[in-house]
C-alpha atoms as a PDB file:
ATOM      1  CA  MET A   1      10.347 -81.015  34.884  1.00  0.00           C
ATOM      2  CA  LEU A   2       7.531 -79.760  32.716  1.00  0.00           C
ATOM      3  CA  ALA A   3       8.662 -77.707  29.732  1.00  0.00           C
ATOM      4  CA  THR A   4       6.764 -76.212  26.851  1.00  0.00           C
ATOM      5  CA  LEU A   5       8.565 -76.564  23.531  1.00  0.00           C
ATOM      6  CA  THR A   6       7.829 -75.398  20.048  1.00  0.00           C
ATOM      7  CA  VAL A   7       8.942 -78.159  17.673  1.00  0.00           C
ATOM      8  CA  ASP A   8       8.589 -78.390  13.912  1.00  0.00           C
ATOM      9  CA  ALA A   9       5.576 -80.687  13.451  1.00  0.00           C
ATOM     10  CA  GLU A  10       6.971 -82.389  10.332  1.00  0.00           C
ATOM     11  CA  LEU A  11      10.304 -83.032  12.039  1.00  0.00           C
ATOM     12  CA  LEU A  12       8.572 -84.508  15.069  1.00  0.00           C
ATOM     13  CA  GLN A  13       6.304 -86.698  12.927  1.00  0.00           C
ATOM     14  CA  THR A  14       9.305 -87.998  10.970  1.00  0.00           C
ATOM     15  CA  ALA A  15      10.996 -88.937  14.250  1.00  0.00           C
ATOM     16  CA  ILE A  16       7.844 -90.657  15.484  1.00  0.00           C
ATOM     17  CA  ASP A  17       7.562 -92.614  12.220  1.00  0.00           C
ATOM     18  CA  LEU A  18      11.190 -93.759  12.464  1.00  0.00           C
ATOM     19  CA  ASP A  19      11.096 -94.957  16.043  1.00  0.00           C
ATOM     20  CA  THR A  20       9.289 -97.544  18.077  1.00  0.00           C
ATOM     21  CA  GLN A  21       8.700 -94.889  20.707  1.00  0.00           C
ATOM     22  CA  ASN A  22       5.600 -93.174  19.463  1.00  0.00           C
ATOM     23  CA  THR A  23       4.833 -90.361  21.862  1.00  0.00           C
ATOM     24  CA  LYS A  24       6.105 -86.831  21.633  1.00  0.00           C
ATOM     25  CA  ASP A  25       7.523 -86.999  25.135  1.00  0.00           C
ATOM     26  CA  THR A  26       9.522 -90.182  24.541  1.00  0.00           C
ATOM     27  CA  ILE A  27      10.821 -88.917  21.196  1.00  0.00           C
ATOM     28  CA  VAL A  28      11.994 -85.620  22.678  1.00  0.00           C
ATOM     29  CA  GLU A  29      13.554 -87.386  25.670  1.00  0.00           C
ATOM     30  CA  ALA A  30      15.374 -89.862  23.409  1.00  0.00           C
ATOM     31  CA  ALA A  31      16.592 -87.019  21.187  1.00  0.00           C
ATOM     32  CA  LEU A  32      17.949 -85.128  24.183  1.00  0.00           C
ATOM     33  CA  ARG A  33      19.723 -88.237  25.486  1.00  0.00           C
ATOM     34  CA  GLU A  34      21.313 -88.826  22.074  1.00  0.00           C
ATOM     35  CA  TYR A  35      22.303 -85.172  21.824  1.00  0.00           C
ATOM     36  CA  ILE A  36      23.926 -85.240  25.263  1.00  0.00           C
ATOM     37  CA  TYR A  37      25.733 -88.509  24.502  1.00  0.00           C
ATOM     38  CA  HIS A  38      27.153 -87.224  21.204  1.00  0.00           C
ATOM     39  CA  ARG A  39      28.158 -83.862  22.692  1.00  0.00           C
ATOM     40  CA  GLN A  40      29.976 -85.668  25.511  1.00  0.00           C
ATOM     41  CA  GLN A  41      31.770 -87.887  22.967  1.00  0.00           C
ATOM     42  CA  LEU A  42      32.766 -84.825  20.973  1.00  0.00           C
ATOM     43  CA  LYS A  43      34.005 -83.056  24.096  1.00  0.00           C
ATOM     44  CA  GLU A  44      36.108 -86.110  25.024  1.00  0.00           C
ATOM     45  CA  ALA A  45      37.586 -86.293  21.521  1.00  0.00           C
ATOM     46  CA  VAL A  46      38.490 -82.613  21.616  1.00  0.00           C
ATOM     47  CA  MET A  47      40.109 -82.994  25.028  1.00  0.00           C
ATOM     48  CA  ILE A  48      42.131 -86.002  23.840  1.00  0.00           C
ATOM     49  CA  GLY A  49      43.195 -84.099  20.733  1.00  0.00           C
ATOM     50  CA  ALA A  50      44.134 -81.011  22.728  1.00  0.00           C
ATOM     51  CA  ALA A  51      46.203 -83.094  25.141  1.00  0.00           C
ATOM     52  CA  ALA A  52      47.964 -84.782  22.222  1.00  0.00           C
ATOM     53  CA  ALA A  53      48.679 -81.406  20.655  1.00  0.00           C
ATOM     54  CA  ASP A  54      50.048 -80.101  23.948  1.00  0.00           C
ATOM     55  CA  ARG A  55      52.422 -83.089  24.067  1.00  0.00           C
ATOM     56  CA  GLY A  56      53.404 -82.560  20.436  1.00  0.00           C
ATOM     57  CA  ASP A  57      51.878 -85.915  19.443  1.00  0.00           C
ATOM     58  CA  VAL A  58      50.184 -84.697  16.272  1.00  0.00           C
ATOM     59  CA  ILE A  59      50.867 -84.970  12.572  1.00  0.00           C
ATOM     60  CA  ASP A  60      49.964 -82.588   9.773  1.00  0.00           C
ATOM     61  CA  GLY A  61      46.782 -83.131   7.783  1.00  0.00           C
ATOM     62  CA  GLU A  62      48.460 -84.206   4.551  1.00  0.00           C
ATOM     63  CA  THR A  63      50.400 -86.941   6.322  1.00  0.00           C
ATOM     64  CA  ALA A  64      47.279 -88.141   8.126  1.00  0.00           C
ATOM     65  CA  ILE A  65      45.230 -88.273   4.909  1.00  0.00           C
ATOM     66  CA  ALA A  66      48.015 -90.134   3.089  1.00  0.00           C
ATOM     67  CA  ALA A  67      48.167 -92.721   5.888  1.00  0.00           C
ATOM     68  CA  LEU A  68      44.395 -93.185   5.804  1.00  0.00           C
ATOM     69  CA  ARG A  69      44.399 -93.618   2.040  1.00  0.00           C
ATOM     70  CA  GLU A  70      47.131 -96.235   2.380  1.00  0.00           C
ATOM     71  CA  LYS A  71      45.075 -98.144   4.976  1.00  0.00           C
ATOM     72  CA  ILE A  72      41.979 -98.015   2.763  1.00  0.00           C
ATOM     73  CA  ASN A  73      43.926 -99.318  -0.213  1.00  0.00           C
ATOM     74  CA  THR A  74      45.372-102.124   1.920  1.00  0.00           C
ATOM     75  CA  TRP A  75      41.878-103.117   3.121  1.00  0.00           C
ATOM     76  CA  ARG A  76      40.561-103.064  -0.443  1.00  0.00           C
ATOM     77  CA  ASN A  77      43.432-105.245  -1.642  1.00  0.00           C
ATOM     78  CA  GLU A  78      42.892-107.712   1.203  1.00  0.00           C
ATOM     79  CA  ALA A  79      39.164-107.912   0.417  1.00  0.00           C
ATOM     80  CA  SER A  80      39.833-108.679  -3.262  1.00  0.00           C
END
């Protein structure tokens, strides 16, 4: 499909400079594929979270953060 897009020239040039794909078309196509992939991953994560919430399999934020901090401290201690 042929589409006409208005894209920030500096943004596009930065993308071209960062990638081995050096045409506007390949950069835009790669960006769209990445966007779609990440949106699908986000949608899946939301659906998993919603299903867990519906089952009552969730914990409050403070408890979750405390558990994560404990894991980080354990990893740091093991690395020392």
